[in-house]
Amino acid sequence: MARLYIVPTPIGNLDDITLRAVDVLRGVDFILAEDTRTTSFLLRHLGIEKQLYSHHKFNEHATVSMVADAIAAGRDAALVSDAGTPGISDPGFLLVRTCVEAGIEVETLPGATAAIPALVDSGFPCDRFCFEGFLPQKKGRMKQLQALADEERTMIFYESPYRVVRCLEQFAEVFGPGRQVSVSRELTKKFEQTLRGTVAEVLEHFRTTEPRGEFVLVVAGKPRQRHGAAAAADKTE
């Protein structure tokens, strides 16, 4: 039975693609790409020639049924995004849901994503965290942040370089200028960098140094309040 494969692609360093992902891309009948130019570059690097179709946020509503029909008719398909795992702040959810509802097998490969390396690199607790992806560009942005004001888990955000300063300013307003933050940019690439410190400290850096590249911002959760005997013990130490 034909199926849909969800195939993560490198977020920067092309060597980060898995051997299994390469085998799947070689074996499917066609590939759905967020940007066919970006995927063509990757396929040339891998020595793969395959039929490509565009599948992005502007056409996915119109094409998911046709893709599902093609798979149901016996053609294996792979879905890739420009970088990372499809469906994580990238197109993919609608197609997966359509295939699941149609009884089509969906197989998701493990692979590259920017969120986890940035989280681990932050030095903040990794056992419990929440992924917020991209904040709304305009309406609802502060409302979403304010809903996280009391969040005790580590929080992960994606942001474009054009809104990093604004984002940090809003962090300072909602979480406080003293909250710890870790900002990673250009992960796996030549100029990879991670800055750690308070929101105020990192904000000052990017006010004087132009933000460049793709960013992941990791914010420490709200410190937990200690109550009862534990709090009393702290006071007596």
C-alpha atoms as a PDB file:
ATOM      1  CA  MET A   1       0.000   0.000   0.000  1.00  0.00           C
ATOM      2  CA  ALA A   2       1.338   3.434  -0.936  1.00  0.00           C
ATOM      3  CA  ARG A   3       1.894   5.943   1.836  1.00  0.00           C
ATOM      4  CA  LEU A   4       2.872   9.502   2.680  1.00  0.00           C
ATOM      5  CA  TYR A   5       6.337   9.957   4.131  1.00  0.00           C
ATOM      6  CA  ILE A   6       7.104  13.040   6.223  1.00  0.00           C
ATOM      7  CA  VAL A   7      10.816  13.674   5.661  1.00  0.00           C
ATOM      8  CA  PRO A   8      12.806  16.193   7.736  1.00  0.00           C
ATOM      9  CA  THR A   9      15.533  18.044   5.851  1.00  0.00           C
ATOM     10  CA  PRO A  10      18.655  19.831   7.183  1.00  0.00           C
ATOM     11  CA  ILE A  11      18.177  23.224   8.817  1.00  0.00           C
ATOM     12  CA  GLY A  12      21.564  24.372   7.532  1.00  0.00           C
ATOM     13  CA  ASN A  13      24.313  21.786   7.305  1.00  0.00           C
ATOM     14  CA  LEU A  14      23.382  19.432   4.463  1.00  0.00           C
ATOM     15  CA  ASP A  15      25.252  16.561   6.140  1.00  0.00           C
ATOM     16  CA  ASP A  16      22.547  16.441   8.819  1.00  0.00           C
ATOM     17  CA  ILE A  17      20.128  14.514   6.600  1.00  0.00           C
ATOM     18  CA  THR A  18      19.717  10.881   7.675  1.00  0.00           C
ATOM     19  CA  LEU A  19      20.572   7.856   5.541  1.00  0.00           C
ATOM     20  CA  ARG A  20      16.974   6.720   5.885  1.00  0.00           C
ATOM     21  CA  ALA A  21      15.685  10.058   4.598  1.00  0.00           C
ATOM     22  CA  VAL A  22      17.924   9.741   1.536  1.00  0.00           C
ATOM     23  CA  ASP A  23      16.604   6.220   0.875  1.00  0.00           C
ATOM     24  CA  VAL A  24      12.995   7.402   1.150  1.00  0.00           C
ATOM     25  CA  LEU A  25      13.540  10.361  -1.176  1.00  0.00           C
ATOM     26  CA  ARG A  26      15.106   8.026  -3.721  1.00  0.00           C
ATOM     27  CA  GLY A  27      12.287   5.521  -3.495  1.00  0.00           C
ATOM     28  CA  VAL A  28       9.084   7.595  -3.606  1.00  0.00           C
ATOM     29  CA  ASP A  29       7.188   8.376  -6.804  1.00  0.00           C
ATOM     30  CA  PHE A  30       7.090  12.123  -6.198  1.00  0.00           C
ATOM     31  CA  ILE A  31       8.094  14.770  -3.660  1.00  0.00           C
ATOM     32  CA  LEU A  32       6.007  17.647  -2.317  1.00  0.00           C
ATOM     33  CA  ALA A  33       8.225  20.653  -1.615  1.00  0.00           C
ATOM     34  CA  GLU A  34       7.595  23.937   0.175  1.00  0.00           C
ATOM     35  CA  ASP A  35       9.917  25.618  -2.351  1.00  0.00           C
ATOM     36  CA  THR A  36      10.947  23.468  -5.321  1.00  0.00           C
ATOM     37  CA  ARG A  37      14.114  25.545  -5.845  1.00  0.00           C
ATOM     38  CA  THR A  38      15.354  24.865  -2.322  1.00  0.00           C
ATOM     39  CA  THR A  39      14.521  21.162  -2.555  1.00  0.00           C
ATOM     40  CA  SER A  40      16.092  20.888  -6.018  1.00  0.00           C
ATOM     41  CA  PHE A  41      19.362  22.151  -4.554  1.00  0.00           C
ATOM     42  CA  LEU A  42      19.233  19.494  -1.835  1.00  0.00           C
ATOM     43  CA  LEU A  43      18.363  16.719  -4.288  1.00  0.00           C
ATOM     44  CA  ARG A  44      21.255  17.681  -6.567  1.00  0.00           C
ATOM     45  CA  HIS A  45      23.566  17.517  -3.553  1.00  0.00           C
ATOM     46  CA  LEU A  46      22.259  14.011  -2.859  1.00  0.00           C
ATOM     47  CA  GLY A  47      22.360  12.917  -6.491  1.00  0.00           C
ATOM     48  CA  ILE A  48      18.605  12.330  -6.637  1.00  0.00           C
ATOM     49  CA  GLU A  49      16.324  13.079  -9.586  1.00  0.00           C
ATOM     50  CA  LYS A  50      12.649  13.080  -8.723  1.00  0.00           C
ATOM     51  CA  GLN A  51       9.394  14.708  -9.792  1.00  0.00           C
ATOM     52  CA  LEU A  52       8.678  17.745  -7.598  1.00  0.00           C
ATOM     53  CA  TYR A  53       5.393  19.487  -6.868  1.00  0.00           C
ATOM     54  CA  SER A  54       4.877  22.689  -4.891  1.00  0.00           C
ATOM     55  CA  HIS A  55       3.079  22.297  -1.587  1.00  0.00           C
ATOM     56  CA  HIS A  56       3.085  25.435   0.563  1.00  0.00           C
ATOM     57  CA  LYS A  57       0.810  27.482   2.797  1.00  0.00           C
ATOM     58  CA  PHE A  58      -0.705  29.343  -0.152  1.00  0.00           C
ATOM     59  CA  ASN A  59      -1.883  26.274  -2.077  1.00  0.00           C
ATOM     60  CA  GLU A  60      -2.133  23.428   0.452  1.00  0.00           C
ATOM     61  CA  HIS A  61      -5.884  23.826   1.000  1.00  0.00           C
ATOM     62  CA  ALA A  62      -6.467  23.382  -2.724  1.00  0.00           C
ATOM     63  CA  THR A  63      -4.069  20.481  -3.282  1.00  0.00           C
ATOM     64  CA  VAL A  64      -4.360  18.137  -0.285  1.00  0.00           C
ATOM     65  CA  SER A  65      -7.266  16.148  -1.746  1.00  0.00           C
ATOM     66  CA  MET A  66      -5.491  15.636  -5.081  1.00  0.00           C
ATOM     67  CA  VAL A  67      -2.339  14.491  -3.311  1.00  0.00           C
ATOM     68  CA  ALA A  68      -4.287  12.083  -1.119  1.00  0.00           C
ATOM     69  CA  ASP A  69      -6.023  10.687  -4.205  1.00  0.00           C
ATOM     70  CA  ALA A  70      -2.647  10.132  -5.913  1.00  0.00           C
ATOM     71  CA  ILE A  71      -1.338   8.222  -2.894  1.00  0.00           C
ATOM     72  CA  ALA A  72      -4.551   6.197  -2.627  1.00  0.00           C
ATOM     73  CA  ALA A  73      -4.064   5.265  -6.289  1.00  0.00           C
ATOM     74  CA  GLY A  74      -0.737   3.636  -5.428  1.00  0.00           C
ATOM     75  CA  ARG A  75       1.908   6.390  -5.671  1.00  0.00           C
ATOM     76  CA  ASP A  76       4.268   6.876  -2.709  1.00  0.00           C
ATOM     77  CA  ALA A  77       4.859  10.520  -1.801  1.00  0.00           C
ATOM     78  CA  ALA A  78       7.318  12.381   0.402  1.00  0.00           C
ATOM     79  CA  LEU A  79       6.597  15.758   1.966  1.00  0.00           C
ATOM     80  CA  VAL A  80       9.548  18.048   2.759  1.00  0.00           C
ATOM     81  CA  SER A  81       9.816  21.643   3.906  1.00  0.00           C
ATOM     82  CA  ASP A  82      12.636  24.066   3.151  1.00  0.00           C
ATOM     83  CA  ALA A  83      14.324  23.143   6.432  1.00  0.00           C
ATOM     84  CA  GLY A  84      13.453  20.968   9.379  1.00  0.00           C
ATOM     85  CA  THR A  85      10.427  18.781   9.999  1.00  0.00           C
ATOM     86  CA  PRO A  86       7.249  19.435   7.958  1.00  0.00           C
ATOM     87  CA  GLY A  87       4.297  20.425  10.119  1.00  0.00           C
ATOM     88  CA  ILE A  88       6.453  22.183  12.724  1.00  0.00           C
ATOM     89  CA  SER A  89       5.873  25.856  11.848  1.00  0.00           C
ATOM     90  CA  ASP A  90       5.756  24.665   8.214  1.00  0.00           C
ATOM     91  CA  PRO A  91       3.074  23.203   5.921  1.00  0.00           C
ATOM     92  CA  GLY A  92       2.155  19.587   6.619  1.00  0.00           C
ATOM     93  CA  PHE A  93      -0.640  19.373   9.155  1.00  0.00           C
ATOM     94  CA  LEU A  94      -3.476  19.632   6.620  1.00  0.00           C
ATOM     95  CA  LEU A  95      -2.054  16.948   4.357  1.00  0.00           C
ATOM     96  CA  VAL A  96      -1.352  14.564   7.246  1.00  0.00           C
ATOM     97  CA  ARG A  97      -4.874  15.040   8.591  1.00  0.00           C
ATOM     98  CA  THR A  98      -6.406  14.483   5.151  1.00  0.00           C
ATOM     99  CA  CYS A  99      -4.424  11.261   4.663  1.00  0.00           C
ATOM    100  CA  VAL A 100      -5.277   9.991   8.142  1.00  0.00           C
ATOM    101  CA  GLU A 101      -8.969  10.658   7.562  1.00  0.00           C
ATOM    102  CA  ALA A 102      -8.768   8.830   4.224  1.00  0.00           C
ATOM    103  CA  GLY A 103      -7.130   5.792   5.831  1.00  0.00           C
ATOM    104  CA  ILE A 104      -3.800   6.419   4.097  1.00  0.00           C
ATOM    105  CA  GLU A 105      -0.686   5.324   5.983  1.00  0.00           C
ATOM    106  CA  VAL A 106       1.510   8.203   7.164  1.00  0.00           C
ATOM    107  CA  GLU A 107       5.116   7.530   8.188  1.00  0.00           C
ATOM    108  CA  THR A 108       7.111  10.320   9.835  1.00  0.00           C
ATOM    109  CA  LEU A 109      10.891  10.065   9.880  1.00  0.00           C
ATOM    110  CA  PRO A 110      12.906  11.524  12.778  1.00  0.00           C
ATOM    111  CA  GLY A 111      15.329  14.235  11.846  1.00  0.00           C
ATOM    112  CA  ALA A 112      16.387  17.842  11.953  1.00  0.00           C
ATOM    113  CA  THR A 113      14.512  20.543  13.816  1.00  0.00           C
ATOM    114  CA  ALA A 114      15.825  23.818  15.216  1.00  0.00           C
ATOM    115  CA  ALA A 115      13.840  23.749  18.456  1.00  0.00           C
ATOM    116  CA  ILE A 116      15.543  20.833  20.223  1.00  0.00           C
ATOM    117  CA  PRO A 117      19.206  21.841  19.686  1.00  0.00           C
ATOM    118  CA  ALA A 118      18.390  25.370  20.854  1.00  0.00           C
ATOM    119  CA  LEU A 119      16.562  24.027  23.916  1.00  0.00           C
ATOM    120  CA  VAL A 120      19.379  21.706  24.971  1.00  0.00           C
ATOM    121  CA  ASP A 121      22.000  24.387  24.263  1.00  0.00           C
ATOM    122  CA  SER A 122      20.169  26.910  26.463  1.00  0.00           C
ATOM    123  CA  GLY A 123      21.058  25.178  29.715  1.00  0.00           C
ATOM    124  CA  PHE A 124      17.429  25.492  30.867  1.00  0.00           C
ATOM    125  CA  PRO A 125      15.390  22.477  32.068  1.00  0.00           C
ATOM    126  CA  CYS A 126      14.552  20.183  29.133  1.00  0.00           C
ATOM    127  CA  ASP A 127      12.346  17.655  30.897  1.00  0.00           C
ATOM    128  CA  ARG A 128       9.222  19.797  30.408  1.00  0.00           C
ATOM    129  CA  PHE A 129       8.888  22.567  27.840  1.00  0.00           C
ATOM    130  CA  CYS A 130       6.345  24.222  25.566  1.00  0.00           C
ATOM    131  CA  PHE A 131       6.872  25.035  21.902  1.00  0.00           C
ATOM    132  CA  GLU A 132       5.161  28.261  20.777  1.00  0.00           C
ATOM    133  CA  GLY A 133       6.613  28.549  17.268  1.00  0.00           C
ATOM    134  CA  PHE A 134       6.162  31.930  15.590  1.00  0.00           C
ATOM    135  CA  LEU A 135       4.155  34.531  17.467  1.00  0.00           C
ATOM    136  CA  PRO A 136       1.474  36.371  15.449  1.00  0.00           C
ATOM    137  CA  GLN A 137       3.087  39.195  13.525  1.00  0.00           C
ATOM    138  CA  LYS A 138       0.472  41.753  14.546  1.00  0.00           C
ATOM    139  CA  LYS A 139      -2.907  41.060  16.158  1.00  0.00           C
ATOM    140  CA  GLY A 140      -2.869  38.721  19.137  1.00  0.00           C
ATOM    141  CA  ARG A 141       0.884  38.813  19.725  1.00  0.00           C
ATOM    142  CA  MET A 142       0.848  40.347  23.221  1.00  0.00           C
ATOM    143  CA  LYS A 143      -2.241  38.365  24.186  1.00  0.00           C
ATOM    144  CA  GLN A 144      -0.419  35.114  23.444  1.00  0.00           C
ATOM    145  CA  LEU A 145       2.607  36.213  25.471  1.00  0.00           C
ATOM    146  CA  GLN A 146       0.481  37.368  28.403  1.00  0.00           C
ATOM    147  CA  ALA A 147      -1.160  33.936  28.482  1.00  0.00           C
ATOM    148  CA  LEU A 148       2.336  32.551  29.126  1.00  0.00           C
ATOM    149  CA  ALA A 149       3.212  34.979  31.929  1.00  0.00           C
ATOM    150  CA  ASP A 150       2.885  32.292  34.623  1.00  0.00           C
ATOM    151  CA  GLU A 151       4.258  29.404  32.533  1.00  0.00           C
ATOM    152  CA  GLU A 152       6.787  27.443  34.609  1.00  0.00           C
ATOM    153  CA  ARG A 153       8.072  25.288  31.739  1.00  0.00           C
ATOM    154  CA  THR A 154      10.878  26.368  29.422  1.00  0.00           C
ATOM    155  CA  MET A 155       9.387  28.146  26.391  1.00  0.00           C
ATOM    156  CA  ILE A 156      10.620  27.979  22.782  1.00  0.00           C
ATOM    157  CA  PHE A 157       9.860  30.593  20.108  1.00  0.00           C
ATOM    158  CA  TYR A 158      10.857  31.025  16.474  1.00  0.00           C
ATOM    159  CA  GLU A 159      11.417  34.538  15.141  1.00  0.00           C
ATOM    160  CA  SER A 160      12.651  36.316  12.038  1.00  0.00           C
ATOM    161  CA  PRO A 161      15.675  38.640  12.341  1.00  0.00           C
ATOM    162  CA  TYR A 162      13.428  41.616  11.583  1.00  0.00           C
ATOM    163  CA  ARG A 163      11.366  41.110  14.753  1.00  0.00           C
ATOM    164  CA  VAL A 164      13.965  39.841  17.245  1.00  0.00           C
ATOM    165  CA  VAL A 165      14.400  43.198  19.000  1.00  0.00           C
ATOM    166  CA  ARG A 166      10.658  43.744  19.179  1.00  0.00           C
ATOM    167  CA  CYS A 167      10.198  40.218  20.503  1.00  0.00           C
ATOM    168  CA  LEU A 168      12.774  40.721  23.258  1.00  0.00           C
ATOM    169  CA  GLU A 169      11.165  44.046  24.194  1.00  0.00           C
ATOM    170  CA  GLN A 170       7.864  42.247  24.603  1.00  0.00           C
ATOM    171  CA  PHE A 171       9.548  39.502  26.647  1.00  0.00           C
ATOM    172  CA  ALA A 172      10.872  42.209  28.966  1.00  0.00           C
ATOM    173  CA  GLU A 173       7.383  43.659  29.332  1.00  0.00           C
ATOM    174  CA  VAL A 174       5.620  40.353  30.002  1.00  0.00           C
ATOM    175  CA  PHE A 175       8.255  38.136  31.654  1.00  0.00           C
ATOM    176  CA  GLY A 176      10.400  40.898  33.134  1.00  0.00           C
ATOM    177  CA  PRO A 177      13.841  42.213  32.068  1.00  0.00           C
ATOM    178  CA  GLY A 178      15.580  39.883  34.522  1.00  0.00           C
ATOM    179  CA  ARG A 179      14.166  36.627  33.101  1.00  0.00           C
ATOM    180  CA  GLN A 180      16.837  34.349  31.664  1.00  0.00           C
ATOM    181  CA  VAL A 181      16.814  33.829  27.895  1.00  0.00           C
ATOM    182  CA  SER A 182      18.956  31.965  25.374  1.00  0.00           C
ATOM    183  CA  VAL A 183      18.958  33.126  21.757  1.00  0.00           C
ATOM    184  CA  SER A 184      20.381  30.845  19.067  1.00  0.00           C
ATOM    185  CA  ARG A 185      20.855  31.865  15.456  1.00  0.00           C
ATOM    186  CA  GLU A 186      22.026  30.124  12.300  1.00  0.00           C
ATOM    187  CA  LEU A 187      22.030  26.697  13.974  1.00  0.00           C
ATOM    188  CA  THR A 188      24.284  24.135  12.225  1.00  0.00           C
ATOM    189  CA  LYS A 189      25.632  26.829   9.884  1.00  0.00           C
ATOM    190  CA  LYS A 190      29.030  28.522   9.671  1.00  0.00           C
ATOM    191  CA  PHE A 191      28.076  31.502  11.837  1.00  0.00           C
ATOM    192  CA  GLU A 192      26.078  29.590  14.462  1.00  0.00           C
ATOM    193  CA  GLN A 193      25.852  31.551  17.695  1.00  0.00           C
ATOM    194  CA  THR A 194      24.054  31.291  21.038  1.00  0.00           C
ATOM    195  CA  LEU A 195      23.747  34.223  23.441  1.00  0.00           C
ATOM    196  CA  ARG A 196      22.627  33.661  27.030  1.00  0.00           C
ATOM    197  CA  GLY A 197      21.723  36.123  29.740  1.00  0.00           C
ATOM    198  CA  THR A 198      18.842  38.159  31.041  1.00  0.00           C
ATOM    199  CA  VAL A 199      16.276  39.493  28.589  1.00  0.00           C
ATOM    200  CA  ALA A 200      17.673  42.986  29.197  1.00  0.00           C
ATOM    201  CA  GLU A 201      21.252  41.909  28.462  1.00  0.00           C
ATOM    202  CA  VAL A 202      20.417  40.060  25.256  1.00  0.00           C
ATOM    203  CA  LEU A 203      18.115  42.862  24.135  1.00  0.00           C
ATOM    204  CA  GLU A 204      20.923  45.399  24.549  1.00  0.00           C
ATOM    205  CA  HIS A 205      23.192  43.229  22.396  1.00  0.00           C
ATOM    206  CA  PHE A 206      20.746  43.082  19.507  1.00  0.00           C
ATOM    207  CA  ARG A 207      19.956  46.790  19.756  1.00  0.00           C
ATOM    208  CA  THR A 208      23.599  47.463  18.908  1.00  0.00           C
ATOM    209  CA  THR A 209      24.292  44.419  16.705  1.00  0.00           C
ATOM    210  CA  GLU A 210      22.024  43.848  13.709  1.00  0.00           C
ATOM    211  CA  PRO A 211      20.200  40.500  14.020  1.00  0.00           C
ATOM    212  CA  ARG A 212      20.958  38.210  11.076  1.00  0.00           C
ATOM    213  CA  GLY A 213      19.887  34.680  10.243  1.00  0.00           C
ATOM    214  CA  GLU A 214      17.160  32.417  11.573  1.00  0.00           C
ATOM    215  CA  PHE A 215      16.457  32.681  15.312  1.00  0.00           C
ATOM    216  CA  VAL A 216      15.252  30.413  18.092  1.00  0.00           C
ATOM    217  CA  LEU A 217      14.517  32.141  21.400  1.00  0.00           C
ATOM    218  CA  VAL A 218      14.367  29.980  24.523  1.00  0.00           C
ATOM    219  CA  VAL A 219      12.922  31.556  27.671  1.00  0.00           C
ATOM    220  CA  ALA A 220      13.299  30.142  31.164  1.00  0.00           C
ATOM    221  CA  GLY A 221      10.007  29.350  32.856  1.00  0.00           C
ATOM    222  CA  LYS A 222       8.674  31.373  35.748  1.00  0.00           C
ATOM    223  CA  PRO A 223      10.468  30.370  38.955  1.00  0.00           C
ATOM    224  CA  ARG A 224       8.288  28.131  41.080  1.00  0.00           C
ATOM    225  CA  GLN A 225       6.999  29.477  44.378  1.00  0.00           C
ATOM    226  CA  ARG A 226       8.079  27.464  47.408  1.00  0.00           C
ATOM    227  CA  HIS A 227       5.416  27.047  50.083  1.00  0.00           C
ATOM    228  CA  GLY A 228       4.997  25.668  53.575  1.00  0.00           C
ATOM    229  CA  ALA A 229       7.875  23.856  55.239  1.00  0.00           C
ATOM    230  CA  ALA A 230      10.177  24.204  52.210  1.00  0.00           C
ATOM    231  CA  ALA A 231       9.799  27.981  52.204  1.00  0.00           C
ATOM    232  CA  ALA A 232      10.293  28.166  55.974  1.00  0.00           C
ATOM    233  CA  ALA A 233      13.452  26.082  55.710  1.00  0.00           C
ATOM    234  CA  ASP A 234      14.810  28.449  53.084  1.00  0.00           C
ATOM    235  CA  LYS A 235      14.328  31.397  55.435  1.00  0.00           C
ATOM    236  CA  THR A 236      16.182  29.727  58.288  1.00  0.00           C
ATOM    237  CA  GLU A 237      19.239  28.746  56.239  1.00  0.00           C
END
